[in-house]
Structure formats: structure tokens, C-alpha cells
Protein backbone atom coordinates (compact mmCIF):
# COMPACT_ATOMS: atom_id res chain seq x y z
CA MET A 1 -0.27 -0.13 0.10
CA ILE A 2 1.32 3.29 -1.33
CA ASP A 3 1.50 5.76 1.91
CA GLY A 4 -2.28 7.38 1.36
CA ILE A 5 -3.26 5.14 -1.10
CA THR A 6 -5.54 2.56 -0.36
CA PRO A 7 -5.55 -1.09 -2.36
CA GLY A 8 -8.30 -0.14 -4.07
CA GLY A 9 -7.61 2.75 -5.27
CA SER A 10 -8.84 5.50 -3.11
CA LYS A 11 -7.20 7.89 -1.17
CA ARG A 12 -7.13 7.30 2.73
CA ARG A 13 -7.60 10.23 5.39
CA PRO A 14 -6.12 10.24 8.48
CA LEU A 15 -7.95 9.23 11.37
CA SER A 16 -8.08 12.78 13.17
CA GLU A 17 -10.10 13.66 9.76
CA LYS A 18 -13.40 11.23 10.04
CA THR A 19 -16.37 12.93 11.38
CA LYS A 20 -18.12 11.95 14.71
CA ASP A 21 -21.14 10.26 12.26
CA GLU A 22 -18.78 7.93 11.01
CA THR A 23 -17.41 6.28 14.49
CA PRO A 24 -18.26 2.55 13.64
CA GLU A 25 -20.98 1.47 15.61
CA PRO A 26 -20.28 -1.07 18.68
CA ALA A 27 -20.73 -4.54 18.15
CA PHE A 28 -24.50 -5.45 18.81
CA ARG A 29 -25.58 -7.14 22.14
CA THR A 30 -28.05 -9.58 23.16
CA PRO A 31 -31.21 -7.71 24.81
CA GLU A 32 -29.84 -9.76 28.18
CA ALA A 33 -26.51 -8.27 28.03
CA VAL A 34 -28.13 -4.89 27.38
CA ALA A 35 -30.50 -5.29 30.05
CA ALA A 36 -27.64 -5.83 32.26
CA VAL A 37 -25.89 -2.74 31.63
CA ALA A 38 -29.32 -0.93 31.76
CA ASP A 39 -29.75 -1.96 35.32
CA ASP A 40 -26.77 -1.04 35.99
CA VAL A 41 -26.84 2.54 34.97
CA ILE A 42 -30.79 2.67 36.39
CA ALA A 43 -29.69 1.22 39.69
CA LEU A 44 -26.80 3.43 40.22
CA PRO A 45 -27.49 6.92 38.09
CA ASN A 46 -24.19 8.35 40.24
CA ASP A 47 -21.88 6.09 39.18
CA ASP A 48 -19.28 6.42 35.99
CA PRO A 49 -20.26 3.87 33.14
CA LYS A 50 -17.52 2.78 31.45
CA PRO A 51 -18.20 0.43 28.36
CA ALA A 52 -14.86 -0.82 27.55
CA ASP A 53 -15.99 -0.78 23.60
CA LYS A 54 -16.32 2.88 23.86
CA PRO A 55 -13.80 5.07 25.52
CA GLN A 56 -14.81 8.67 25.54
CA PHE A 57 -12.19 11.94 25.99
CA ALA A 58 -12.62 15.34 26.94
CA GLY A 59 -10.97 18.39 24.13
CA GLY A 60 -8.21 16.26 23.41
CA ARG A 61 -6.60 16.91 26.69
CA GLY A 62 -6.71 13.13 27.33
CA GLU A 63 -8.66 13.53 30.45
CA HIS A 64 -11.51 10.80 30.85
CA LYS A 65 -15.61 12.32 30.73
CA LYS A 66 -17.72 11.44 33.01
CA ARG A 67 -20.88 10.47 30.90
CA SER A 68 -24.56 10.29 32.13
CA PRO A 69 -27.20 8.23 31.73
CA LYS A 70 -28.80 10.54 28.87
CA GLU A 71 -25.67 10.85 27.20
CA TRP A 72 -24.57 7.02 27.23
CA PHE A 73 -28.18 6.31 26.01
CA LEU A 74 -27.95 9.19 22.93
CA ASP A 75 -24.74 7.18 21.79
CA LEU A 76 -26.29 3.93 21.18
CA GLY A 77 -27.43 2.94 17.61
CA THR A 78 -31.25 2.94 16.68
CA LYS A 79 -30.81 -0.83 16.92
CA GLN A 80 -29.08 -0.85 20.27
CA LYS A 81 -31.74 1.89 22.09
CA ILE A 82 -34.89 -0.43 20.98
CA ALA A 83 -33.25 -3.86 21.77
CA LEU A 84 -32.37 -1.81 25.85
CA ILE A 85 -36.39 -0.28 25.89
CA VAL A 86 -37.28 -4.12 24.97
CA ALA A 87 -34.79 -5.80 27.78
CA ILE A 88 -36.20 -2.77 30.58
CA LEU A 89 -39.71 -3.15 29.86
CA LEU A 90 -39.34 -6.85 30.02
CA VAL A 91 -37.68 -6.61 33.34
CA LEU A 92 -40.10 -4.16 34.97
CA ALA A 93 -43.05 -6.39 33.84
CA GLY A 94 -41.43 -9.27 35.17
CA GLY A 95 -40.71 -7.09 38.79
CA THR A 96 -44.74 -6.29 38.54
CA VAL A 97 -46.13 -9.67 37.95
CA GLY A 98 -43.55 -11.14 40.73
CA ALA A 99 -44.75 -8.42 42.95
CA MET A 100 -48.73 -9.28 42.21
CA GLN A 101 -47.91 -13.37 42.29
CA LEU A 102 -46.00 -12.32 45.93
CA LEU A 103 -48.62 -10.16 47.11
CA LYS A 104 -51.30 -12.91 46.08
CA LYS A 105 -49.39 -15.59 47.74
CA ASP A 106 -48.94 -13.57 50.58
CA ALA A 107 -52.74 -12.05 51.09
CA PRO A 108 -54.29 -14.12 53.74
CA ALA A 109 -57.16 -16.45 51.65
CA PRO A 110 -60.80 -15.25 52.25
CA ALA A 111 -62.70 -16.30 55.04
CA PRO A 112 -65.42 -19.05 53.48
CA ALA A 113 -68.93 -18.08 54.11
CA ALA A 114 -70.28 -19.63 56.92
CA LYS A 115 -72.42 -22.47 56.03
CA VAL A 116 -76.13 -22.11 57.43
CA GLU A 117 -78.03 -25.47 57.83
CA GLU A 118 -81.95 -26.09 58.32
CA PRO A 119 -82.74 -27.02 61.77
CA LYS A 120 -83.57 -30.42 61.92
CA GLU A 121 -85.78 -32.75 63.97
CA PRO A 122 -84.39 -34.57 66.61
CA VAL A 123 -84.14 -38.10 65.09
CA ASN A 124 -86.91 -40.49 66.71
CA THR A 125 -88.84 -37.68 68.20
CA VAL A 126 -92.07 -39.04 69.21
CA ILE A 127 -95.35 -36.55 68.52
CA TYR A 128 -98.22 -36.91 70.73
CA SER A 129 -101.80 -35.84 69.88
CA PRO A 130 -102.30 -32.29 71.87
CA LEU A 131 -106.29 -33.75 71.85
CA THR A 132 -105.84 -37.36 73.11
CA GLY A 133 -102.33 -37.68 74.29
CA VAL A 134 -101.29 -41.00 71.77
CA PRO A 135 -98.50 -40.83 69.43
CA VAL A 136 -98.97 -39.36 66.32
CA SER A 137 -97.75 -38.08 62.80
CA LYS A 138 -96.93 -34.24 63.14
CA GLU A 139 -99.08 -33.94 60.83
CA GLN A 140 -102.25 -35.80 62.49
CA SER A 141 -100.83 -32.79 65.42
CA GLN A 142 -101.63 -30.40 63.18
CA LEU A 143 -104.90 -31.04 62.58
CA PRO A 144 -107.89 -28.50 63.88
CA VAL A 145 -109.97 -30.34 66.48
CA THR A 146 -113.84 -30.74 65.17
CA GLY A 147 -116.09 -31.23 67.31
CA ILE A 148 -119.55 -32.93 65.85
CA MET A 149 -122.87 -33.00 68.34
CA ILE A 150 -124.70 -36.73 68.41
CA GLU A 151 -128.00 -37.37 69.40
CA ASN A 152 -128.56 -40.47 71.83
CA SER A 153 -132.34 -40.92 71.78
CA PRO A 154 -133.07 -44.75 70.96
CA ASP A 155 -134.02 -43.47 67.94
CA ALA A 156 -130.54 -42.75 67.66
CA ARG A 157 -128.60 -45.95 68.85
CA PRO A 158 -126.27 -47.26 67.95
CA GLN A 159 -124.33 -44.50 66.62
CA SER A 160 -121.23 -44.35 64.30
CA GLY A 161 -117.92 -42.63 65.23
CA LEU A 162 -118.32 -42.10 68.83
CA ASN A 163 -115.60 -44.74 69.14
CA LYS A 164 -113.16 -42.32 67.67
CA ALA A 165 -113.54 -39.18 69.41
CA GLY A 166 -110.69 -38.07 71.48
CA VAL A 167 -112.75 -36.79 74.18
CA VAL A 168 -116.73 -37.16 74.95
CA PHE A 169 -118.65 -34.90 77.08
CA GLU A 170 -122.21 -36.25 77.87
CA ALA A 171 -125.00 -34.28 79.16
CA ILE A 172 -128.71 -33.68 79.01
CA ALA A 173 -130.62 -32.02 76.08
CA GLU A 174 -133.55 -32.30 77.06
CA GLY A 175 -136.64 -34.17 78.60
CA GLY A 176 -133.56 -35.85 80.43
CA ILE A 177 -132.37 -37.30 76.77
CA THR A 178 -128.45 -37.05 76.51
CA ARG A 179 -126.56 -35.97 73.74
CA PHE A 180 -122.71 -36.10 72.91
CA LEU A 181 -120.22 -32.94 71.92
CA THR A 182 -117.55 -35.51 70.58
CA LEU A 183 -113.95 -33.95 69.59
CA PHE A 184 -112.07 -35.36 67.40
CA GLN A 185 -108.57 -34.58 65.85
CA GLU A 186 -106.00 -37.52 64.54
CA GLU A 187 -108.85 -39.87 63.83
CA GLN A 188 -111.01 -39.17 60.80
CA PRO A 189 -114.08 -41.52 60.67
CA ASP A 190 -115.52 -41.01 57.14
CA TYR A 191 -119.39 -41.46 58.44
CA VAL A 192 -120.30 -40.18 61.68
CA GLY A 193 -123.90 -39.19 63.22
CA PRO A 194 -127.00 -38.84 63.72
CA VAL A 195 -125.90 -35.35 64.06
CA ARG A 196 -128.11 -33.17 65.90
CA SER A 197 -129.03 -29.68 67.05
CA VAL A 198 -126.25 -27.94 70.08
CA ARG A 199 -126.62 -26.20 73.44
CA PRO A 200 -125.16 -23.44 75.15
CA TYR A 201 -123.03 -25.15 77.52
CA TYR A 202 -121.92 -27.38 74.71
CA VAL A 203 -120.79 -24.46 73.39
CA ASP A 204 -118.83 -23.24 76.59
CA TRP A 205 -116.86 -26.90 76.78
CA LEU A 206 -115.52 -27.03 72.90
CA GLU A 207 -114.13 -23.21 73.62
CA GLY A 208 -111.84 -24.54 75.51
CA PHE A 209 -110.24 -26.72 72.68
CA ASP A 210 -110.70 -24.11 69.87
CA ALA A 211 -112.97 -26.35 68.13
CA ALA A 212 -115.66 -25.98 65.46
CA VAL A 213 -118.82 -27.27 65.63
CA ALA A 214 -120.60 -29.03 63.53
CA HIS A 215 -124.81 -29.53 64.20
CA VAL A 216 -128.01 -29.12 62.75
CA GLY A 217 -129.48 -25.61 64.28
CA GLY A 218 -129.07 -25.42 68.06
CA SER A 219 -131.42 -23.53 71.03
CA PRO A 220 -131.65 -19.56 70.14
CA GLU A 221 -129.10 -19.47 73.44
CA ALA A 222 -126.95 -21.73 71.49
CA LEU A 223 -126.81 -20.04 68.26
CA ALA A 224 -126.64 -16.54 69.71
CA LYS A 225 -123.45 -17.35 71.86
CA ILE A 226 -121.75 -18.99 68.89
CA LYS A 227 -122.36 -15.77 67.24
CA SER A 228 -121.16 -13.72 70.04
CA ASP A 229 -118.22 -15.83 71.31
CA GLY A 230 -116.94 -15.94 68.12
CA VAL A 231 -116.65 -20.02 67.51
CA LYS A 232 -116.19 -21.68 64.27
CA ASP A 233 -119.43 -22.59 63.00
CA LEU A 234 -119.80 -25.42 60.98
CA ASP A 235 -123.90 -25.41 60.85
CA GLN A 236 -125.56 -27.83 58.41
CA PHE A 237 -127.85 -24.61 57.75
CA ALA A 238 -125.39 -22.96 56.06
CA ASN A 239 -123.24 -25.53 55.45
CA ALA A 240 -124.60 -28.89 53.35
CA GLY A 241 -121.69 -30.09 51.98
CA PRO A 242 -120.32 -32.01 54.10
CA TYR A 243 -123.94 -34.02 55.41
CA LYS A 244 -125.68 -36.17 54.10
CA ARG A 245 -129.33 -37.73 55.27
CA VAL A 246 -129.06 -41.77 55.23
CA SER A 247 -132.36 -44.06 54.20
CA ASN A 248 -132.35 -46.65 56.47
CA ARG A 249 -132.97 -44.26 59.67
CA TYR A 250 -136.19 -41.62 59.39
CA ALA A 251 -135.58 -37.75 60.72
CA PRO A 252 -134.79 -36.22 62.28
CA HIS A 253 -132.27 -39.68 63.02
CA ASN A 254 -130.58 -39.75 60.32
CA MET A 255 -127.94 -36.71 59.87
CA TYR A 256 -124.56 -38.08 59.17
CA THR A 257 -120.81 -36.51 58.54
CA SER A 258 -117.67 -37.28 57.75
CA LEU A 259 -114.80 -35.26 59.16
CA GLY A 260 -112.91 -35.15 55.70
CA GLY A 261 -115.30 -32.95 54.69
CA LEU A 262 -115.77 -31.13 57.64
CA ILE A 263 -111.82 -30.31 57.87
CA ASP A 264 -112.33 -29.57 54.04
CA LEU A 265 -115.18 -27.09 55.20
CA SER A 266 -113.29 -25.62 57.58
CA LYS A 267 -109.88 -24.66 55.50
CA SER A 268 -112.24 -23.17 53.08
CA LYS A 269 -113.03 -20.74 55.70
CA GLY A 270 -109.78 -20.40 56.88
CA TRP A 271 -109.54 -22.51 59.87
CA THR A 272 -106.96 -24.93 59.76
CA SER A 273 -105.23 -25.35 63.23
CA SER A 274 -106.58 -25.17 66.79
CA LYS A 275 -104.78 -23.49 69.81
CA PHE A 276 -105.57 -25.22 72.94
CA GLU A 277 -103.92 -26.17 76.29
CA GLY A 278 -104.43 -30.25 76.07
CA PHE A 279 -104.95 -32.52 79.11
CA PRO A 280 -102.31 -33.45 81.25
CA ARG A 281 -101.11 -36.82 80.42
CA LYS A 282 -98.72 -39.46 82.26
CA PRO A 283 -97.86 -42.78 81.54
CA GLU A 284 -100.26 -46.00 82.08
CA ALA A 285 -99.90 -47.71 85.53
CA ALA A 286 -102.65 -50.37 85.74
CA SER A 287 -103.32 -51.03 89.37
CA ALA A 288 -102.29 -54.60 90.66
CA ALA A 289 -105.68 -54.17 93.28
CA PRO A 290 -108.31 -51.90 91.61
CA THR A 291 -110.83 -50.22 93.69
CA ALA A 292 -112.88 -49.24 91.03
CA ARG A 293 -113.70 -52.26 88.85
CA GLY A 294 -117.57 -50.94 88.30
CA ILE A 295 -119.01 -47.45 88.17
CA ASP A 296 -122.45 -45.96 88.00
CA ILE A 297 -123.12 -42.77 86.70
CA LYS A 298 -126.89 -41.46 86.85
CA ILE A 299 -127.90 -39.26 84.79
CA SER A 300 -131.86 -39.11 84.47
CA SER A 301 -133.32 -41.96 83.89
CA PRO A 302 -132.01 -46.44 83.64
CA LEU A 303 -132.67 -45.50 79.98
CA TYR A 304 -129.66 -42.89 79.88
CA ASN A 305 -127.80 -43.73 82.97
CA VAL A 306 -124.68 -45.37 82.34
CA HIS A 307 -122.14 -48.46 83.80
CA TYR A 308 -118.67 -49.03 83.38
CA ASP A 309 -116.38 -52.34 83.73
CA TYR A 310 -113.15 -52.36 84.35
CA ASP A 311 -111.20 -54.32 81.94
CA ALA A 312 -107.55 -55.26 83.16
CA ALA A 313 -106.04 -56.62 79.73
CA THR A 314 -106.64 -53.28 78.41
CA ASN A 315 -106.68 -50.88 81.09
CA SER A 316 -109.71 -49.24 79.82
CA TYR A 317 -113.36 -49.34 80.76
CA LYS A 318 -116.01 -51.26 78.53
CA ARG A 319 -119.01 -48.53 78.64
CA VAL A 320 -122.80 -50.06 79.13
CA LEU A 321 -125.52 -47.81 77.93
CA GLY A 322 -129.11 -48.06 78.98
CA GLY A 323 -128.36 -51.80 80.84
CA LYS A 324 -126.64 -52.49 77.18
CA PRO A 325 -123.22 -52.78 75.94
CA HIS A 326 -122.62 -49.34 74.13
CA LEU A 327 -121.62 -50.21 70.48
CA ASP A 328 -120.19 -48.68 67.61
CA GLU A 329 -123.06 -48.98 64.47
CA ARG A 330 -120.35 -49.86 62.01
CA SER A 331 -117.56 -52.14 63.66
CA ASN A 332 -119.69 -53.12 66.39
CA GLU A 333 -117.06 -52.14 69.02
CA GLN A 334 -118.43 -51.85 72.21
CA ILE A 335 -116.98 -48.40 73.70
CA SER A 336 -114.25 -48.21 75.85
CA PRO A 337 -112.76 -45.16 76.96
CA LYS A 338 -109.23 -45.22 78.73
CA VAL A 339 -110.45 -42.19 81.36
CA VAL A 340 -114.16 -41.91 82.32
CA ILE A 341 -114.39 -38.49 84.94
CA GLY A 342 -118.14 -37.90 86.41
CA LEU A 343 -118.76 -33.95 86.54
CA VAL A 344 -120.74 -32.59 89.44
CA VAL A 345 -122.15 -29.72 87.64
CA PRO A 346 -124.79 -28.01 89.16
CA TYR A 347 -128.28 -28.29 86.99
CA SER A 348 -131.48 -27.06 86.46
CA ILE A 349 -134.63 -26.46 83.85
CA HIS A 350 -134.45 -23.24 81.66
CA PRO A 351 -137.35 -21.43 81.74
CA ASP A 352 -139.31 -22.49 78.89
CA GLY A 353 -140.06 -25.75 80.64
CA VAL A 354 -138.11 -28.09 78.23
CA HIS A 355 -133.97 -26.90 78.02
CA SER A 356 -131.61 -27.90 80.49
CA VAL A 357 -129.17 -25.26 82.13
CA TYR A 358 -125.66 -26.62 83.18
CA LYS A 359 -123.01 -24.20 85.17
CA THR A 360 -120.21 -25.02 83.07
CA ILE A 361 -117.82 -21.95 84.02
CA GLY A 362 -116.78 -22.07 88.07
CA SER A 363 -115.47 -25.31 89.70
CA GLY A 364 -116.89 -28.19 91.32
CA THR A 365 -116.03 -32.02 92.31
CA ALA A 366 -114.77 -34.28 89.83
CA TYR A 367 -114.12 -38.09 90.10
CA ILE A 368 -111.45 -39.34 87.86
CA PHE A 369 -111.33 -42.95 87.05
CA GLN A 370 -108.37 -44.55 85.31
CA ASP A 371 -105.84 -47.59 85.50
CA GLY A 372 -108.53 -49.19 87.75
CA ASN A 373 -108.73 -46.66 90.60
CA VAL A 374 -110.29 -43.34 91.30
CA THR A 375 -109.17 -39.68 92.25
CA GLU A 376 -111.25 -37.21 93.74
CA ALA A 377 -110.66 -33.89 92.48
CA THR A 378 -111.59 -30.13 91.48
CA TRP A 379 -112.71 -29.10 87.97
CA GLU A 380 -112.35 -25.46 87.52
CA LYS A 381 -113.27 -23.82 84.73
CA ALA A 382 -112.77 -19.73 84.67
CA SER A 383 -114.14 -18.99 81.37
CA ALA A 384 -115.90 -20.15 78.43
CA LYS A 385 -112.79 -19.83 76.31
CA SER A 386 -110.62 -21.28 79.05
CA GLN A 387 -109.94 -25.18 79.21
CA ILE A 388 -111.61 -27.05 81.80
CA THR A 389 -108.58 -27.94 84.32
CA PHE A 390 -108.90 -31.04 87.17
CA LYS A 391 -106.55 -30.64 90.33
CA ASP A 392 -106.27 -33.21 93.24
CA ALA A 393 -106.78 -32.71 96.94
CA ALA A 394 -102.86 -30.90 96.83
CA GLY A 395 -103.95 -28.45 94.12
CA LYS A 396 -101.51 -30.04 91.65
CA PRO A 397 -103.09 -31.45 87.92
CA VAL A 398 -104.51 -34.99 87.61
CA THR A 399 -102.45 -36.31 84.94
CA LEU A 400 -104.65 -38.34 82.58
CA ASN A 401 -103.38 -41.84 80.77
CA ALA A 402 -103.43 -41.39 76.99
CA GLY A 403 -106.04 -41.99 74.68
CA GLN A 404 -110.39 -41.49 74.58
CA THR A 405 -111.52 -39.73 77.68
CA TRP A 406 -115.15 -39.57 78.36
CA ILE A 407 -116.94 -36.99 80.61
CA THR A 408 -120.15 -37.19 81.94
CA ALA A 409 -122.06 -34.61 83.64
CA THR A 410 -124.08 -35.04 86.57
CA ALA A 411 -126.25 -32.84 88.87
CA VAL A 412 -125.13 -34.28 92.50
CA ASN A 413 -122.30 -35.81 93.97
CA THR A 414 -124.19 -39.05 94.90
CA ASN A 415 -125.18 -40.00 91.27
CA VAL A 416 -121.43 -40.73 90.93
CA THR A 417 -120.96 -44.55 92.57
CA TYR A 418 -117.87 -47.16 92.00
CA LYS A 419 -116.69 -50.54 93.57
CA PRO A 420 -113.98 -52.73 93.84
């Protein structure tokens, strides 16, 4: 090579004559390398970066010039600037994601929502009838109590459904002829009767059970009381649907009804339940030495007086009416209540000379027969809507056996007798 002449024939200029723009670009570096340098520059902005591939000198005096990050960046080529920006963004993005993951990892997990469990009925819980105290289903225990007036003239015997009633009140209607207020809840016989008219004292007794009453008319006093006391009235005169007259008996002893029909009628009127206090109950405890095997309750005459024989095998009392076993018409079974009560109630004749009058509000003597024995107690009823209660000589409630309770009203204490 001739001095100053390149092999190609071009004249070679001295290095000092080259312009700044012709300075060769630094060798290309990977994004990772650029990122490493960028980290150093960004992390330590006051340090003196000294890239090995591009020394800088000031004013020809041989002094090393300290460059700022901005100057260093401007000295980079276009591709290097792009690579550096991409690398910085990647680093920053990675840090943000990592920070988010760290925060997510360290943040406490939200507490699980408390699980609200539906209340469950205790397993094997026994439900008892509010009316009779016998075990029943939940649905049966919630049925409304329905009262039905059933007559007891010789032409009405044998009656139907009396053996299924939970509680029966027996008293004179007129002329010494007795009549029954029968109360039903869990038992639903489809044939009950004959149904007859109602009297005021029956209304007093049924109000303590918050019961509806099925009847065919009644005395003026009874009908007025039903209206004034707001009693649930199922009078056949205004509600013929659940009633029918049968052809095998003559009127007025041929009106019958069914519990299903009466309950449907009650529900249509919005009467779906009964709120009342049932009799307190106890476990049966048949006596080994019964003191009351035979019971007699005089009411009016031999045709209507009643007798009971204690049956130790069933711990119940077999009912005898007018000297004959009192049977159910359809089942032909003898009526046998678990509890018999002789209720001593002041009695008189209405001023009309026909209808009976019982003083049902107040207190009096009651003879309670169960388990083959007798308890002399006091009955109390504070008002028509309050329940009739029974207390022993110590003033404590008398508890009754579960099952049918038959209550017979009589005028004086001497009308109730018994023997071992």
C-alpha cells in the first residue's frame, strides 16, 4: 500500500479527519447483556459507566469524561436503543408480575362463608296428639279439632264414630235425653252421626279446645252464643255440603257427616288449626289391686244412666248404656274409654220448661277413673274460652292416661258410685 492510498485506489484519510458520524457502531449485544448494563445504569445513576467498547475523551486533553445515563443512551445505535427499551420493559413487567404473585401468595385467603344449616327435627322424636296424648304423625298433630253434636235417643242407637272421638262430653239436652259433644283430631272417621242440634253448655266446653262445631241448628241461646263468642260454626243449615241424610233411618235421626268433609269446609273458611291446652298426660300404670272395677253414673233415667266395667287386659272401661253394651254401628265394637270422669255440675231446667241449663263456668267435684282406681278431684273453668282443668286434693293437676276421655255431667255427687 502506498502511503495514503488504499489497494482499491482510493485515498485513505487520517483517523483524525474522520467525522463523528462515521465512528463505527459498537458490536451488537443481546437483550440480556443490554439489560444488565441498563440495570447498572438505572440502579446507579451517579456511577461512571465505562463501556469497554467506547472510551470517551474530552477536548483532546486526555481526560476521561464522565457521562450521564442520558448521554450514554443517546450514543447508542437505533437497534441498541430498541433492544434496551424492550429489555427494560421485560424487566419491569417481570417485576410487576412477580410482585403481584407475591402479594397474592402472601394475602390471607378469604374466610369461607359460614354454612347455614336448616334446623332438623331430632331423630326418633315422638309427637303426641294435643287432644288425646297418643303418638301421632306431625301432620295429625297439626289438624284442627272438630266438634260434632251426636244424639242419644233410642232411635239414634247405635251411633257411628263415637269410638273414634278423642274427648266426649255427655249431658242432658232436654226431657232427660242425653246428647254428646264429640271432639276429633287425629282420627278421621268417614261416617259420624246422627248429628243433632247444639246447646250453650256444649259450646262452653268446646271453646276450651278452640274447636269448630258441626250441628243441625240449636237452641236460640246456643246459636246466639256461637255468634257472639266467634265460635267456628259448621251449622248444617248454612253448610249442607259435608252432610247427608241416610235412608235406613227416619228424620231427624238420619243426618250424618264425615271428618274429611268437615275439615275441608273448615279450611275453606281459613280454620286450619286449633290452639288450646290439652289435658296433662302420664304413662299408663294399671293397678294390681283396682279399687274401682265397676262405675255407675246416674244422669236422668235407666234408659240414659251409664255403667262401666274395668277391663284389666286393656286398662280401659267398657261402656254400658241403658243396661246394654254401648256399641259402634259400623265396627260393632264396644266403646271403651281409657279415662272416665264423673263431672258434678249444677243443673236446672230453662224457664221455657224444656231445655237444660248447666253451670259450666266455675268449679265443682270430679271423679276421675283410670288404671282401675279413682281420684276425687276438683274441676275448674274460668271462662268459656279457657280449658277445663282437674286438680287433686293438694291442688296439683291430675295427669290422665292417653286415649279417649269420656266426661259425663251429673247434678250431684251421690250420682257417682263405684265398687272394687
